C-alpha atoms as a PDB file:
ATOM      1  CA  MET A   1      14.407  19.164 -14.762  1.00  0.00           C
ATOM      2  CA  TYR A   2      13.056  22.011 -12.684  1.00  0.00           C
ATOM      3  CA  ASN A   3      14.859  23.861  -9.931  1.00  0.00           C
ATOM      4  CA  ARG A   4      13.441  23.896  -6.408  1.00  0.00           C
ATOM      5  CA  PHE A   5      11.404  27.072  -6.940  1.00  0.00           C
ATOM      6  CA  ALA A   6       9.771  25.700 -10.094  1.00  0.00           C
ATOM      7  CA  GLU A   7       8.907  22.502  -8.258  1.00  0.00           C
ATOM      8  CA  MET A   8       7.374  24.479  -5.378  1.00  0.00           C
ATOM      9  CA  ARG A   9       5.337  26.483  -7.915  1.00  0.00           C
ATOM     10  CA  ARG A  10       4.140  23.297  -9.612  1.00  0.00           C
ATOM     11  CA  ARG A  11       3.080  21.832  -6.279  1.00  0.00           C
ATOM     12  CA  TYR A  12       1.337  25.089  -5.288  1.00  0.00           C
ATOM     13  CA  LEU A  13      -0.617  25.252  -8.538  1.00  0.00           C
ATOM     14  CA  ARG A  14      -1.571  21.587  -8.320  1.00  0.00           C
ATOM     15  CA  GLU A  15      -2.753  21.800  -4.701  1.00  0.00           C
ATOM     16  CA  HIS A  16      -4.264  25.297  -4.574  1.00  0.00           C
ATOM     17  CA  ARG A  17      -4.994  26.400  -8.143  1.00  0.00           C
ATOM     18  CA  ASP A  18      -5.946  23.147  -9.833  1.00  0.00           C
ATOM     19  CA  GLY A  19      -7.937  24.856 -12.604  1.00  0.00           C
ATOM     20  CA  ILE A  20      -4.972  26.968 -13.639  1.00  0.00           C
ATOM     21  CA  TYR A  21      -2.657  23.966 -13.358  1.00  0.00           C
ATOM     22  CA  THR A  22      -4.913  21.782 -15.515  1.00  0.00           C
ATOM     23  CA  GLY A  23      -5.465  24.523 -18.081  1.00  0.00           C
ATOM     24  CA  MET A  24      -1.748  25.166 -18.472  1.00  0.00           C
ATOM     25  CA  LEU A  25      -1.035  21.438 -18.640  1.00  0.00           C
ATOM     26  CA  LEU A  26      -3.639  20.863 -21.344  1.00  0.00           C
ATOM     27  CA  THR A  27      -2.473  23.820 -23.448  1.00  0.00           C
ATOM     28  CA  GLY A  28       1.176  22.846 -23.124  1.00  0.00           C
ATOM     29  CA  LYS A  29       2.147  26.034 -21.294  1.00  0.00           C
ATOM     30  CA  LEU A  30       2.948  24.511 -17.893  1.00  0.00           C
ATOM     31  CA  ASP A  31       6.582  23.594 -18.586  1.00  0.00           C
ATOM     32  CA  GLU A  32       7.353  27.026 -20.017  1.00  0.00           C
ATOM     33  CA  HIS A  33       5.667  28.728 -17.049  1.00  0.00           C
ATOM     34  CA  LEU A  34       7.523  26.617 -14.492  1.00  0.00           C
ATOM     35  CA  LYS A  35      10.876  27.212 -16.176  1.00  0.00           C
ATOM     36  CA  GLU A  36      10.260  30.964 -16.285  1.00  0.00           C
ATOM     37  CA  ILE A  37       9.149  31.115 -12.642  1.00  0.00           C
ATOM     38  CA  GLY A  38      12.038  28.890 -11.559  1.00  0.00           C
ATOM     39  CA  ASP A  39      14.673  30.942 -13.379  1.00  0.00           C
ATOM     40  CA  THR A  40      13.248  34.264 -12.227  1.00  0.00           C
ATOM     41  CA  ALA A  41      12.920  33.076  -8.643  1.00  0.00           C
ATOM     42  CA  GLN A  42      16.489  31.745  -8.530  1.00  0.00           C
ATOM     43  CA  GLU A  43      17.830  35.012  -9.935  1.00  0.00           C
ATOM     44  CA  MET A  44      15.805  37.016  -7.409  1.00  0.00           C
ATOM     45  CA  PHE A  45      17.004  34.779  -4.563  1.00  0.00           C
ATOM     46  CA  ASP A  46      20.652  35.185  -5.570  1.00  0.00           C
ATOM     47  CA  GLN A  47      20.340  38.977  -5.837  1.00  0.00           C
ATOM     48  CA  LEU A  48      18.525  39.314  -2.511  1.00  0.00           C
ATOM     49  CA  ALA A  49      21.058  37.128  -0.720  1.00  0.00           C
ATOM     50  CA  GLU A  50      23.948  39.191  -2.118  1.00  0.00           C
ATOM     51  CA  GLN A  51      22.283  42.459  -1.138  1.00  0.00           C
ATOM     52  CA  MET A  52      21.616  41.187   2.384  1.00  0.00           C
ATOM     53  CA  LYS A  53      25.194  39.941   2.746  1.00  0.00           C
ATOM     54  CA  LYS A  54      26.542  43.364   1.822  1.00  0.00           C
ATOM     55  CA  ALA A  55      24.067  45.247   4.001  1.00  0.00           C
ATOM     56  CA  GLU A  56      24.825  43.072   7.027  1.00  0.00           C
ATOM     57  CA  GLY A  57      28.587  42.879   6.567  1.00  0.00           C
ATOM     58  CA  VAL A  58      28.744  39.136   5.988  1.00  0.00           C
ATOM     59  CA  THR A  59      32.096  38.782   4.256  1.00  0.00           C
ATOM     60  CA  GLU A  60      34.722  36.199   3.422  1.00  0.00           C
ATOM     61  CA  ARG A  61      36.795  37.720   6.205  1.00  0.00           C
ATOM     62  CA  LEU A  62      34.056  36.901   8.718  1.00  0.00           C
ATOM     63  CA  LYS A  63      33.956  33.389   7.283  1.00  0.00           C
ATOM     64  CA  ALA A  64      37.699  33.001   7.868  1.00  0.00           C
ATOM     65  CA  GLU A  65      37.655  34.520  11.357  1.00  0.00           C
ATOM     66  CA  ASN A  66      34.445  33.072  12.791  1.00  0.00           C
ATOM     67  CA  GLN A  67      33.004  30.296  10.680  1.00  0.00           C
ATOM     68  CA  MET A  68      30.108  29.468  13.013  1.00  0.00           C
ATOM     69  CA  GLU A  69      28.965  33.098  13.084  1.00  0.00           C
ATOM     70  CA  TRP A  70      29.202  33.244   9.293  1.00  0.00           C
ATOM     71  CA  VAL A  71      27.159  30.040   8.893  1.00  0.00           C
ATOM     72  CA  GLY A  72      24.449  31.280  11.235  1.00  0.00           C
ATOM     73  CA  ARG A  73      24.161  34.620   9.496  1.00  0.00           C
ATOM     74  CA  MET A  74      24.180  33.045   6.030  1.00  0.00           C
ATOM     75  CA  ASN A  75      21.438  30.619   7.048  1.00  0.00           C
ATOM     76  CA  SER A  76      19.375  33.573   8.250  1.00  0.00           C
ATOM     77  CA  ILE A  77      19.989  35.472   5.016  1.00  0.00           C
ATOM     78  CA  ARG A  78      19.080  32.496   2.849  1.00  0.00           C
ATOM     79  CA  SER A  79      15.940  31.858   4.845  1.00  0.00           C
ATOM     80  CA  ARG A  80      14.769  35.465   4.589  1.00  0.00           C
ATOM     81  CA  ALA A  81      15.610  35.713   0.880  1.00  0.00           C
ATOM     82  CA  GLU A  82      13.736  32.486   0.187  1.00  0.00           C
ATOM     83  CA  GLU A  83      10.699  33.718   2.108  1.00  0.00           C
ATOM     84  CA  VAL A  84      10.565  36.881  -0.032  1.00  0.00           C
ATOM     85  CA  VAL A  85      10.868  34.877  -3.261  1.00  0.00           C
ATOM     86  CA  LEU A  86       8.202  32.402  -2.206  1.00  0.00           C
ATOM     87  CA  SER A  87       5.720  35.092  -1.208  1.00  0.00           C
ATOM     88  CA  GLU A  88       6.313  37.323  -4.258  1.00  0.00           C
ATOM     89  CA  LEU A  89       6.761  34.777  -7.058  1.00  0.00           C
ATOM     90  CA  VAL A  90       5.975  31.213  -6.131  1.00  0.00           C
ATOM     91  CA  TYR A  91       2.889  31.340  -3.907  1.00  0.00           C
ATOM     92  CA  CYS A  92       0.915  34.078  -5.595  1.00  0.00           C
END
């Protein structure tokens, strides 16, 4: 089963790059491609989120002291990290 980034890539190829999608499907390379993109994208997302947390001072201490603030900032970080991954790996 694919992770969410691999599934987004599959959907993107199918809807916007049908020739590439069909070619990879027929040659048996689609599954390998989707797994590679999915794994790479997840790794990139995790690294970006960690870097942003450190840069913005989002810590476990903040989580303990002000959970709502921590949740809001983490949601922002995840959203921004996902946007970078989607634009650089998934939708290109």
